[in-house]
Amino acid sequence: MEQIKRLSLTVIICFIAVSIKAQTDTSSLLKELDAMDTAQRSYVQGTFKGTFIQNTASVESPAKGVLQVMIMHRFGKISDGAYELFGLDNATIRLGFDYGITDRLAVSLGRSSYEKTFDGSLKYKVLRQTSDNRMPVTVSLNAGITYITLKYDDKEYMDGNYRTRYFTQALIARKFSPAFSFQLTPTWLHYNLVPTREDENNIYALGGGGRIKLSKRISFNAEYTYLFPNQVNSTEVYNSLSGGIDIETGGHVFQLVFSNSVGTIPTNYIANTTDTWKDGGIYFGFNISRVFNITKTAKATNAKKQKW
């Protein structure tokens, strides 16, 4: 009887030991699987190199604690000829500042010489594409307000309400491969003041733009914005079409731009493009950005980002 008790006790102890080991092994396995799953679900980086495709904002934004200084420069029309040095004698410019409040939320302030316009906007990254394709796209919302300070002879136009315009964009992008990215940009614009009653205060458009990587630091970018018909009727306007080259040089991103739009903010280039490529209405220009790490967190975040 005593031997049976000892045998039973031995069996129970062995069973408990095996159970504890199994639980430990299972827990370790689950942790390893969770770590592997997290690695597989890492977020895709560098859908676009810059915060703009050409004129259109991309899904990218400065990381937390990073300040970006942006200069968007457009010369006159190339078709102006040698007397105007093919447009180089004339220019419009936008100076902008973008700051990453978090890795997903950024604020932007800018001033354009075109209609002497101030603009401010917020960009928030709602969804982020994952490497395992559980989330196939990156989606950012870009919403802002513009204010025209150009002087008019008619005092009616001095009213601040008439000078204010708004824009909201959904930026929906996917990085299909290291060499190719594409973005769709549904856009809503609102003008408090329009030229005539024939023109709509609310304007809707759909943009598309992409990036093809040509080398480690160079890519070809292009974009097209379709303005839905019967919205701007008092003026003959055209869809905005732009193309050019991106060059990454460390802390700088330099973009060469060819466009039929002279404006660089949504309320200008989407519904106020009055030139066409076929008639020689092409404006050459460039975008150049420089980033500054304001906080230590920004430096650490940038160090973790994948190379372009």
C-alpha atoms as a PDB file:
ATOM      1  CA  MET A   1       0.000   0.000   0.000  1.00  0.00           C
ATOM      2  CA  GLU A   2       2.861   2.362   0.913  1.00  0.00           C
ATOM      3  CA  GLN A   3       4.534   1.664  -2.442  1.00  0.00           C
ATOM      4  CA  ILE A   4       1.341   2.485  -4.299  1.00  0.00           C
ATOM      5  CA  LYS A   5       1.134   5.851  -2.481  1.00  0.00           C
ATOM      6  CA  ARG A   6       4.756   6.642  -3.322  1.00  0.00           C
ATOM      7  CA  LEU A   7       4.189   5.677  -6.955  1.00  0.00           C
ATOM      8  CA  SER A   8       1.054   7.809  -7.140  1.00  0.00           C
ATOM      9  CA  LEU A   9       2.862  10.759  -5.564  1.00  0.00           C
ATOM     10  CA  THR A  10       5.730  10.367  -8.031  1.00  0.00           C
ATOM     11  CA  VAL A  11       3.311  10.306 -10.975  1.00  0.00           C
ATOM     12  CA  ILE A  12       1.516  13.434  -9.700  1.00  0.00           C
ATOM     13  CA  ILE A  13       4.803  15.314  -9.247  1.00  0.00           C
ATOM     14  CA  CYS A  14       5.955  14.326 -12.740  1.00  0.00           C
ATOM     15  CA  PHE A  15       2.587  15.396 -14.201  1.00  0.00           C
ATOM     16  CA  ILE A  16       2.800  18.795 -12.465  1.00  0.00           C
ATOM     17  CA  ALA A  17       6.378  19.298 -13.671  1.00  0.00           C
ATOM     18  CA  VAL A  18       5.442  18.383 -17.242  1.00  0.00           C
ATOM     19  CA  SER A  19       2.406  20.727 -17.080  1.00  0.00           C
ATOM     20  CA  ILE A  20       4.517  23.643 -15.804  1.00  0.00           C
ATOM     21  CA  LYS A  21       7.129  23.043 -18.521  1.00  0.00           C
ATOM     22  CA  ALA A  22       4.402  22.814 -21.180  1.00  0.00           C
ATOM     23  CA  GLN A  23       2.832  26.072 -19.993  1.00  0.00           C
ATOM     24  CA  THR A  24       6.247  27.753 -20.018  1.00  0.00           C
ATOM     25  CA  ASP A  25       7.009  26.472 -23.500  1.00  0.00           C
ATOM     26  CA  THR A  26       3.534  27.522 -24.705  1.00  0.00           C
ATOM     27  CA  SER A  27       3.949  30.998 -23.215  1.00  0.00           C
ATOM     28  CA  SER A  28       7.362  31.395 -24.863  1.00  0.00           C
ATOM     29  CA  LEU A  29       5.961  30.159 -28.162  1.00  0.00           C
ATOM     30  CA  LEU A  30       3.065  32.620 -27.990  1.00  0.00           C
ATOM     31  CA  LYS A  31       5.474  35.459 -27.249  1.00  0.00           C
ATOM     32  CA  GLU A  32       7.651  34.455 -30.198  1.00  0.00           C
ATOM     33  CA  LEU A  33       4.622  34.202 -32.482  1.00  0.00           C
ATOM     34  CA  ASP A  34       3.382  37.587 -31.273  1.00  0.00           C
ATOM     35  CA  ALA A  35       6.795  39.123 -31.917  1.00  0.00           C
ATOM     36  CA  MET A  36       6.874  37.575 -35.400  1.00  0.00           C
ATOM     37  CA  ASP A  37       3.345  38.867 -36.076  1.00  0.00           C
ATOM     38  CA  THR A  38       4.319  42.352 -34.932  1.00  0.00           C
ATOM     39  CA  ALA A  39       7.360  42.281 -37.203  1.00  0.00           C
ATOM     40  CA  GLN A  40       5.192  41.177 -40.114  1.00  0.00           C
ATOM     41  CA  ARG A  41       2.806  44.055 -39.367  1.00  0.00           C
ATOM     42  CA  SER A  42       5.505  46.722 -39.486  1.00  0.00           C
ATOM     43  CA  TYR A  43       4.405  49.902 -41.196  1.00  0.00           C
ATOM     44  CA  VAL A  44       5.504  50.666 -44.732  1.00  0.00           C
ATOM     45  CA  GLN A  45       7.844  53.669 -44.912  1.00  0.00           C
ATOM     46  CA  GLY A  46       8.613  56.117 -47.706  1.00  0.00           C
ATOM     47  CA  THR A  47       5.472  55.819 -49.842  1.00  0.00           C
ATOM     48  CA  PHE A  48       6.616  59.199 -51.171  1.00  0.00           C
ATOM     49  CA  LYS A  49       9.903  60.853 -50.347  1.00  0.00           C
ATOM     50  CA  GLY A  50       8.442  64.314 -49.820  1.00  0.00           C
ATOM     51  CA  THR A  51       5.289  65.788 -48.338  1.00  0.00           C
ATOM     52  CA  PHE A  52       4.173  66.824 -51.850  1.00  0.00           C
ATOM     53  CA  ILE A  53       3.911  64.790 -55.054  1.00  0.00           C
ATOM     54  CA  GLN A  54       4.209  67.996 -57.101  1.00  0.00           C
ATOM     55  CA  ASN A  55       1.466  70.470 -56.155  1.00  0.00           C
ATOM     56  CA  THR A  56      -0.641  67.859 -54.358  1.00  0.00           C
ATOM     57  CA  ALA A  57       0.088  66.979 -50.747  1.00  0.00           C
ATOM     58  CA  SER A  58       1.222  63.376 -50.257  1.00  0.00           C
ATOM     59  CA  VAL A  59       0.359  61.063 -47.358  1.00  0.00           C
ATOM     60  CA  GLU A  60       3.778  61.800 -45.839  1.00  0.00           C
ATOM     61  CA  SER A  61       4.255  64.306 -43.023  1.00  0.00           C
ATOM     62  CA  PRO A  62       7.107  65.309 -40.698  1.00  0.00           C
ATOM     63  CA  ALA A  63       7.759  62.980 -37.762  1.00  0.00           C
ATOM     64  CA  LYS A  64       7.130  64.109 -34.193  1.00  0.00           C
ATOM     65  CA  GLY A  65       9.371  67.026 -33.294  1.00  0.00           C
ATOM     66  CA  VAL A  66      10.533  67.636 -36.878  1.00  0.00           C
ATOM     67  CA  LEU A  67      10.229  71.048 -38.524  1.00  0.00           C
ATOM     68  CA  GLN A  68      10.197  71.164 -42.320  1.00  0.00           C
ATOM     69  CA  VAL A  69      10.860  74.379 -44.215  1.00  0.00           C
ATOM     70  CA  MET A  70       9.357  74.237 -47.697  1.00  0.00           C
ATOM     71  CA  ILE A  71       9.916  76.576 -50.656  1.00  0.00           C
ATOM     72  CA  MET A  72       7.642  76.106 -53.695  1.00  0.00           C
ATOM     73  CA  HIS A  73       8.823  78.262 -56.599  1.00  0.00           C
ATOM     74  CA  ARG A  74       7.125  78.649 -59.987  1.00  0.00           C
ATOM     75  CA  PHE A  75       8.536  80.725 -62.846  1.00  0.00           C
ATOM     76  CA  GLY A  76       6.506  82.228 -65.691  1.00  0.00           C
ATOM     77  CA  LYS A  77       5.317  80.333 -68.753  1.00  0.00           C
ATOM     78  CA  ILE A  78       8.011  78.717 -70.884  1.00  0.00           C
ATOM     79  CA  SER A  79       6.076  79.888 -73.954  1.00  0.00           C
ATOM     80  CA  ASP A  80       6.758  83.535 -73.014  1.00  0.00           C
ATOM     81  CA  GLY A  81       9.918  83.153 -75.068  1.00  0.00           C
ATOM     82  CA  ALA A  82      13.457  84.496 -74.950  1.00  0.00           C
ATOM     83  CA  TYR A  83      12.429  88.051 -74.025  1.00  0.00           C
ATOM     84  CA  GLU A  84      11.125  86.741 -70.679  1.00  0.00           C
ATOM     85  CA  LEU A  85      13.981  84.196 -70.585  1.00  0.00           C
ATOM     86  CA  PHE A  86      11.379  81.466 -71.100  1.00  0.00           C
ATOM     87  CA  GLY A  87       9.551  82.430 -67.937  1.00  0.00           C
ATOM     88  CA  LEU A  88      12.548  82.866 -65.642  1.00  0.00           C
ATOM     89  CA  ASP A  89      12.007  86.640 -65.425  1.00  0.00           C
ATOM     90  CA  ASN A  90       8.747  86.082 -63.558  1.00  0.00           C
ATOM     91  CA  ALA A  91       8.006  84.004 -60.515  1.00  0.00           C
ATOM     92  CA  THR A  92       5.532  83.141 -57.787  1.00  0.00           C
ATOM     93  CA  ILE A  93       6.609  81.559 -54.522  1.00  0.00           C
ATOM     94  CA  ARG A  94       5.201  79.863 -51.437  1.00  0.00           C
ATOM     95  CA  LEU A  95       7.153  79.657 -48.191  1.00  0.00           C
ATOM     96  CA  GLY A  96       5.805  77.001 -45.847  1.00  0.00           C
ATOM     97  CA  PHE A  97       6.532  75.549 -42.411  1.00  0.00           C
ATOM     98  CA  ASP A  98       5.370  72.054 -41.434  1.00  0.00           C
ATOM     99  CA  TYR A  99       5.758  70.664 -37.921  1.00  0.00           C
ATOM    100  CA  GLY A 100       5.118  67.147 -36.619  1.00  0.00           C
ATOM    101  CA  ILE A 101       3.044  67.398 -33.445  1.00  0.00           C
ATOM    102  CA  THR A 102       3.007  63.586 -33.335  1.00  0.00           C
ATOM    103  CA  ASP A 103       4.160  60.957 -35.826  1.00  0.00           C
ATOM    104  CA  ARG A 104       0.644  61.059 -37.293  1.00  0.00           C
ATOM    105  CA  LEU A 105      -0.452  64.689 -36.842  1.00  0.00           C
ATOM    106  CA  ALA A 106       1.232  67.681 -38.489  1.00  0.00           C
ATOM    107  CA  VAL A 107       0.420  71.373 -38.747  1.00  0.00           C
ATOM    108  CA  SER A 108       1.331  73.576 -41.730  1.00  0.00           C
ATOM    109  CA  LEU A 109       1.533  77.345 -42.214  1.00  0.00           C
ATOM    110  CA  GLY A 110       2.420  79.091 -45.461  1.00  0.00           C
ATOM    111  CA  ARG A 111       2.327  82.272 -47.468  1.00  0.00           C
ATOM    112  CA  SER A 112       2.080  82.493 -51.267  1.00  0.00           C
ATOM    113  CA  SER A 113       2.835  85.489 -53.455  1.00  0.00           C
ATOM    114  CA  TYR A 114      -0.019  84.306 -55.704  1.00  0.00           C
ATOM    115  CA  GLU A 115      -2.922  86.547 -54.587  1.00  0.00           C
ATOM    116  CA  LYS A 116      -0.782  87.206 -51.478  1.00  0.00           C
ATOM    117  CA  THR A 117      -2.396  84.228 -49.776  1.00  0.00           C
ATOM    118  CA  PHE A 118      -1.837  82.857 -46.274  1.00  0.00           C
ATOM    119  CA  ASP A 119      -2.722  79.207 -45.672  1.00  0.00           C
ATOM    120  CA  GLY A 120      -2.914  76.909 -42.676  1.00  0.00           C
ATOM    121  CA  SER A 121      -3.749  73.233 -42.492  1.00  0.00           C
ATOM    122  CA  LEU A 122      -3.716  70.064 -40.417  1.00  0.00           C
ATOM    123  CA  LYS A 123      -2.742  66.662 -41.779  1.00  0.00           C
ATOM    124  CA  TYR A 124      -3.589  63.490 -39.845  1.00  0.00           C
ATOM    125  CA  LYS A 125      -2.553  59.972 -40.816  1.00  0.00           C
ATOM    126  CA  VAL A 126      -5.674  57.902 -40.148  1.00  0.00           C
ATOM    127  CA  LEU A 127      -4.446  54.539 -41.472  1.00  0.00           C
ATOM    128  CA  ARG A 128      -0.983  53.180 -42.229  1.00  0.00           C
ATOM    129  CA  GLN A 129      -0.107  50.516 -44.782  1.00  0.00           C
ATOM    130  CA  THR A 130       1.425  47.401 -43.221  1.00  0.00           C
ATOM    131  CA  SER A 131       4.059  45.145 -44.741  1.00  0.00           C
ATOM    132  CA  ASP A 132       1.791  42.085 -44.376  1.00  0.00           C
ATOM    133  CA  ASN A 133      -1.030  43.873 -46.284  1.00  0.00           C
ATOM    134  CA  ARG A 134      -3.515  43.600 -43.453  1.00  0.00           C
ATOM    135  CA  MET A 135      -3.878  47.304 -44.102  1.00  0.00           C
ATOM    136  CA  PRO A 136      -3.255  47.734 -47.854  1.00  0.00           C
ATOM    137  CA  VAL A 137      -3.191  51.548 -47.976  1.00  0.00           C
ATOM    138  CA  THR A 138      -2.107  54.630 -46.081  1.00  0.00           C
ATOM    139  CA  VAL A 139      -4.821  57.252 -45.596  1.00  0.00           C
ATOM    140  CA  SER A 140      -4.254  60.824 -44.444  1.00  0.00           C
ATOM    141  CA  LEU A 141      -6.759  63.652 -44.085  1.00  0.00           C
ATOM    142  CA  ASN A 142      -5.579  67.114 -45.088  1.00  0.00           C
ATOM    143  CA  ALA A 143      -7.817  70.071 -44.217  1.00  0.00           C
ATOM    144  CA  GLY A 144      -7.042  73.765 -44.296  1.00  0.00           C
ATOM    145  CA  ILE A 145      -8.058  77.364 -44.739  1.00  0.00           C
ATOM    146  CA  THR A 146      -6.655  80.115 -46.980  1.00  0.00           C
ATOM    147  CA  TYR A 147      -6.915  83.876 -46.665  1.00  0.00           C
ATOM    148  CA  ILE A 148      -6.253  86.342 -49.509  1.00  0.00           C
ATOM    149  CA  THR A 149      -4.627  89.675 -48.599  1.00  0.00           C
ATOM    150  CA  LEU A 150      -4.398  91.134 -52.117  1.00  0.00           C
ATOM    151  CA  LYS A 151      -5.683  94.723 -52.218  1.00  0.00           C
ATOM    152  CA  TYR A 152      -8.774  95.494 -54.292  1.00  0.00           C
ATOM    153  CA  ASP A 153     -10.228  98.834 -55.328  1.00  0.00           C
ATOM    154  CA  ASP A 154     -13.725  97.625 -54.531  1.00  0.00           C
ATOM    155  CA  LYS A 155     -14.183  97.955 -50.746  1.00  0.00           C
ATOM    156  CA  GLU A 156     -16.611  95.041 -50.785  1.00  0.00           C
ATOM    157  CA  TYR A 157     -13.663  92.728 -51.288  1.00  0.00           C
ATOM    158  CA  MET A 158     -12.035  93.976 -48.091  1.00  0.00           C
ATOM    159  CA  ASP A 159     -14.463  91.914 -46.045  1.00  0.00           C
ATOM    160  CA  GLY A 160     -12.501  89.072 -44.453  1.00  0.00           C
ATOM    161  CA  ASN A 161     -15.330  86.626 -45.056  1.00  0.00           C
ATOM    162  CA  TYR A 162     -15.031  87.099 -48.824  1.00  0.00           C
ATOM    163  CA  ARG A 163     -11.281  86.487 -48.700  1.00  0.00           C
ATOM    164  CA  THR A 164     -11.558  83.093 -47.017  1.00  0.00           C
ATOM    165  CA  ARG A 165     -11.517  79.704 -48.737  1.00  0.00           C
ATOM    166  CA  TYR A 166     -11.401  76.134 -47.421  1.00  0.00           C
ATOM    167  CA  PHE A 167     -10.131  72.767 -48.611  1.00  0.00           C
ATOM    168  CA  THR A 168     -10.418  69.167 -47.426  1.00  0.00           C
ATOM    169  CA  GLN A 169      -8.602  66.231 -49.020  1.00  0.00           C
ATOM    170  CA  ALA A 170      -8.497  62.488 -48.417  1.00  0.00           C
ATOM    171  CA  LEU A 171      -5.032  61.228 -49.373  1.00  0.00           C
ATOM    172  CA  ILE A 172      -5.243  57.500 -50.177  1.00  0.00           C
ATOM    173  CA  ALA A 173      -1.939  55.926 -51.182  1.00  0.00           C
ATOM    174  CA  ARG A 174      -0.320  52.545 -51.625  1.00  0.00           C
ATOM    175  CA  LYS A 175       3.311  51.613 -52.044  1.00  0.00           C
ATOM    176  CA  PHE A 176       3.051  48.718 -54.505  1.00  0.00           C
ATOM    177  CA  SER A 177       6.797  48.054 -54.536  1.00  0.00           C
ATOM    178  CA  PRO A 178      10.039  49.840 -53.555  1.00  0.00           C
ATOM    179  CA  ALA A 179       9.936  51.421 -57.026  1.00  0.00           C
ATOM    180  CA  PHE A 180       6.264  52.402 -57.436  1.00  0.00           C
ATOM    181  CA  SER A 181       3.697  54.279 -55.331  1.00  0.00           C
ATOM    182  CA  PHE A 182       0.306  55.725 -56.273  1.00  0.00           C
ATOM    183  CA  GLN A 183      -2.148  58.059 -54.566  1.00  0.00           C
ATOM    184  CA  LEU A 184      -5.790  59.039 -55.095  1.00  0.00           C
ATOM    185  CA  THR A 185      -6.893  62.425 -53.770  1.00  0.00           C
ATOM    186  CA  PRO A 186     -10.634  63.191 -53.541  1.00  0.00           C
ATOM    187  CA  THR A 187     -10.942  66.917 -52.810  1.00  0.00           C
ATOM    188  CA  TRP A 188     -13.628  69.332 -51.643  1.00  0.00           C
ATOM    189  CA  LEU A 189     -13.119  73.095 -51.934  1.00  0.00           C
ATOM    190  CA  HIS A 190     -15.342  75.880 -50.628  1.00  0.00           C
ATOM    191  CA  TYR A 191     -15.198  79.498 -51.793  1.00  0.00           C
ATOM    192  CA  ASN A 192     -17.076  82.045 -49.713  1.00  0.00           C
ATOM    193  CA  LEU A 193     -17.041  84.335 -52.751  1.00  0.00           C
ATOM    194  CA  VAL A 194     -17.295  83.239 -56.410  1.00  0.00           C
ATOM    195  CA  PRO A 195     -17.116  85.443 -59.534  1.00  0.00           C
ATOM    196  CA  THR A 196     -20.744  84.990 -60.617  1.00  0.00           C
ATOM    197  CA  ARG A 197     -23.914  83.184 -59.643  1.00  0.00           C
ATOM    198  CA  GLU A 198     -23.147  80.663 -62.380  1.00  0.00           C
ATOM    199  CA  ASP A 199     -20.191  79.408 -60.342  1.00  0.00           C
ATOM    200  CA  GLU A 200     -20.525  76.930 -57.505  1.00  0.00           C
ATOM    201  CA  ASN A 201     -19.275  77.740 -54.015  1.00  0.00           C
ATOM    202  CA  ASN A 202     -18.512  74.067 -53.417  1.00  0.00           C
ATOM    203  CA  ILE A 203     -16.055  72.467 -55.829  1.00  0.00           C
ATOM    204  CA  TYR A 204     -15.313  68.741 -56.105  1.00  0.00           C
ATOM    205  CA  ALA A 205     -12.290  67.167 -57.786  1.00  0.00           C
ATOM    206  CA  LEU A 206     -10.414  63.879 -57.930  1.00  0.00           C
ATOM    207  CA  GLY A 207      -6.647  63.745 -58.177  1.00  0.00           C
ATOM    208  CA  GLY A 208      -4.249  60.944 -58.973  1.00  0.00           C
ATOM    209  CA  GLY A 209      -0.480  60.940 -58.633  1.00  0.00           C
ATOM    210  CA  GLY A 210       2.408  58.540 -58.577  1.00  0.00           C
ATOM    211  CA  ARG A 211       6.116  58.030 -58.081  1.00  0.00           C
ATOM    212  CA  ILE A 212       8.449  55.767 -60.066  1.00  0.00           C
ATOM    213  CA  LYS A 213      11.880  55.260 -58.546  1.00  0.00           C
ATOM    214  CA  LEU A 214      14.661  55.589 -61.124  1.00  0.00           C
ATOM    215  CA  SER A 215      17.674  55.173 -58.852  1.00  0.00           C
ATOM    216  CA  LYS A 216      18.568  55.187 -55.180  1.00  0.00           C
ATOM    217  CA  ARG A 217      17.966  58.929 -54.848  1.00  0.00           C
ATOM    218  CA  ILE A 218      16.002  59.915 -57.964  1.00  0.00           C
ATOM    219  CA  SER A 219      12.375  59.330 -58.935  1.00  0.00           C
ATOM    220  CA  PHE A 220       9.888  60.515 -61.547  1.00  0.00           C
ATOM    221  CA  ASN A 221       6.685  62.017 -60.113  1.00  0.00           C
ATOM    222  CA  ALA A 222       3.476  62.956 -61.928  1.00  0.00           C
ATOM    223  CA  GLU A 223      -0.028  64.014 -60.947  1.00  0.00           C
ATOM    224  CA  TYR A 224      -3.355  64.889 -62.567  1.00  0.00           C
ATOM    225  CA  THR A 225      -6.429  66.500 -60.991  1.00  0.00           C
ATOM    226  CA  TYR A 226      -9.821  66.082 -62.629  1.00  0.00           C
ATOM    227  CA  LEU A 227     -12.226  68.932 -61.946  1.00  0.00           C
ATOM    228  CA  PHE A 228     -15.796  67.702 -62.219  1.00  0.00           C
ATOM    229  CA  PRO A 229     -17.760  69.640 -64.889  1.00  0.00           C
ATOM    230  CA  ASN A 230     -20.336  72.439 -64.509  1.00  0.00           C
ATOM    231  CA  GLN A 231     -18.820  73.909 -61.353  1.00  0.00           C
ATOM    232  CA  VAL A 232     -16.714  76.818 -62.637  1.00  0.00           C
ATOM    233  CA  ASN A 233     -18.687  78.355 -65.504  1.00  0.00           C
ATOM    234  CA  SER A 234     -17.711  82.032 -65.756  1.00  0.00           C
ATOM    235  CA  THR A 235     -14.048  81.282 -66.504  1.00  0.00           C
ATOM    236  CA  GLU A 236     -12.476  78.692 -68.766  1.00  0.00           C
ATOM    237  CA  VAL A 237     -10.439  76.478 -66.487  1.00  0.00           C
ATOM    238  CA  TYR A 238      -8.502  73.266 -67.147  1.00  0.00           C
ATOM    239  CA  ASN A 239      -7.450  70.201 -65.235  1.00  0.00           C
ATOM    240  CA  SER A 240      -4.085  70.507 -63.530  1.00  0.00           C
ATOM    241  CA  LEU A 241      -1.316  68.269 -64.925  1.00  0.00           C
ATOM    242  CA  SER A 242       2.210  68.196 -63.495  1.00  0.00           C
ATOM    243  CA  GLY A 243       5.315  66.081 -63.880  1.00  0.00           C
ATOM    244  CA  GLY A 244       8.918  66.216 -62.767  1.00  0.00           C
ATOM    245  CA  ILE A 245      11.886  64.705 -60.988  1.00  0.00           C
ATOM    246  CA  ASP A 246      12.537  64.173 -57.266  1.00  0.00           C
ATOM    247  CA  ILE A 247      16.142  64.272 -56.060  1.00  0.00           C
ATOM    248  CA  GLU A 248      16.952  63.270 -52.469  1.00  0.00           C
ATOM    249  CA  THR A 249      20.166  64.755 -51.075  1.00  0.00           C
ATOM    250  CA  GLY A 250      20.294  63.839 -47.417  1.00  0.00           C
ATOM    251  CA  GLY A 251      18.413  66.466 -45.445  1.00  0.00           C
ATOM    252  CA  HIS A 252      17.027  68.059 -48.615  1.00  0.00           C
ATOM    253  CA  VAL A 253      14.409  66.924 -51.107  1.00  0.00           C
ATOM    254  CA  PHE A 254      14.643  68.820 -54.394  1.00  0.00           C
ATOM    255  CA  GLN A 255      11.760  68.523 -56.869  1.00  0.00           C
ATOM    256  CA  LEU A 256      11.827  69.808 -60.441  1.00  0.00           C
ATOM    257  CA  VAL A 257       8.285  70.665 -61.539  1.00  0.00           C
ATOM    258  CA  PHE A 258       6.616  71.230 -64.922  1.00  0.00           C
ATOM    259  CA  SER A 259       2.945  72.184 -64.623  1.00  0.00           C
ATOM    260  CA  ASN A 260       0.140  74.078 -66.322  1.00  0.00           C
ATOM    261  CA  SER A 261      -0.762  75.485 -62.884  1.00  0.00           C
ATOM    262  CA  VAL A 262       0.948  78.516 -61.397  1.00  0.00           C
ATOM    263  CA  GLY A 263      -0.740  78.124 -57.985  1.00  0.00           C
ATOM    264  CA  THR A 264       0.599  75.725 -55.368  1.00  0.00           C
ATOM    265  CA  ILE A 265      -2.255  75.399 -52.845  1.00  0.00           C
ATOM    266  CA  PRO A 266      -5.482  73.448 -53.534  1.00  0.00           C
ATOM    267  CA  THR A 267      -7.791  76.469 -53.793  1.00  0.00           C
ATOM    268  CA  ASN A 268      -5.511  77.894 -56.500  1.00  0.00           C
ATOM    269  CA  TYR A 269      -4.260  75.046 -58.671  1.00  0.00           C
ATOM    270  CA  ILE A 270      -7.423  72.901 -58.691  1.00  0.00           C
ATOM    271  CA  ALA A 271     -10.116  75.402 -59.730  1.00  0.00           C
ATOM    272  CA  ASN A 272      -8.030  78.287 -61.112  1.00  0.00           C
ATOM    273  CA  THR A 273      -5.785  76.676 -63.724  1.00  0.00           C
ATOM    274  CA  THR A 274      -6.328  78.714 -66.913  1.00  0.00           C
ATOM    275  CA  ASP A 275      -3.498  77.305 -69.073  1.00  0.00           C
ATOM    276  CA  THR A 276      -3.038  74.047 -70.961  1.00  0.00           C
ATOM    277  CA  TRP A 277      -0.020  72.022 -71.979  1.00  0.00           C
ATOM    278  CA  LYS A 278      -1.102  71.843 -75.623  1.00  0.00           C
ATOM    279  CA  ASP A 279      -1.152  75.656 -75.898  1.00  0.00           C
ATOM    280  CA  GLY A 280       2.273  76.002 -74.324  1.00  0.00           C
ATOM    281  CA  GLY A 281       0.963  77.059 -70.926  1.00  0.00           C
ATOM    282  CA  ILE A 282       3.698  75.261 -68.997  1.00  0.00           C
ATOM    283  CA  TYR A 283       5.305  76.657 -65.863  1.00  0.00           C
ATOM    284  CA  PHE A 284       8.695  75.400 -64.769  1.00  0.00           C
ATOM    285  CA  GLY A 285       9.603  75.510 -61.100  1.00  0.00           C
ATOM    286  CA  PHE A 286      10.862  73.602 -58.121  1.00  0.00           C
ATOM    287  CA  ASN A 287      10.031  72.516 -54.580  1.00  0.00           C
ATOM    288  CA  ILE A 288      12.818  72.302 -52.029  1.00  0.00           C
ATOM    289  CA  SER A 289      12.477  71.166 -48.435  1.00  0.00           C
ATOM    290  CA  ARG A 290      14.834  71.020 -45.471  1.00  0.00           C
ATOM    291  CA  VAL A 291      14.049  69.277 -42.189  1.00  0.00           C
ATOM    292  CA  PHE A 292      15.287  70.178 -38.716  1.00  0.00           C
ATOM    293  CA  ASN A 293      15.127  67.843 -35.718  1.00  0.00           C
ATOM    294  CA  ILE A 294      13.767  70.047 -32.957  1.00  0.00           C
ATOM    295  CA  THR A 295      13.641  67.354 -30.237  1.00  0.00           C
ATOM    296  CA  LYS A 296      15.693  64.280 -29.290  1.00  0.00           C
ATOM    297  CA  THR A 297      12.616  62.150 -30.009  1.00  0.00           C
ATOM    298  CA  ALA A 298      12.689  63.372 -33.592  1.00  0.00           C
ATOM    299  CA  LYS A 299      16.301  62.239 -34.019  1.00  0.00           C
ATOM    300  CA  ALA A 300      15.496  58.782 -32.658  1.00  0.00           C
ATOM    301  CA  THR A 301      12.419  58.441 -34.876  1.00  0.00           C
ATOM    302  CA  ASN A 302      14.274  59.421 -38.019  1.00  0.00           C
ATOM    303  CA  ALA A 303      17.083  56.983 -37.217  1.00  0.00           C
ATOM    304  CA  LYS A 304      14.569  54.096 -37.248  1.00  0.00           C
ATOM    305  CA  LYS A 305      13.114  54.968 -40.654  1.00  0.00           C
ATOM    306  CA  GLN A 306      13.971  52.789 -43.608  1.00  0.00           C
ATOM    307  CA  LYS A 307      16.276  54.137 -46.273  1.00  0.00           C
ATOM    308  CA  TRP A 308      14.631  55.505 -49.410  1.00  0.00           C
END
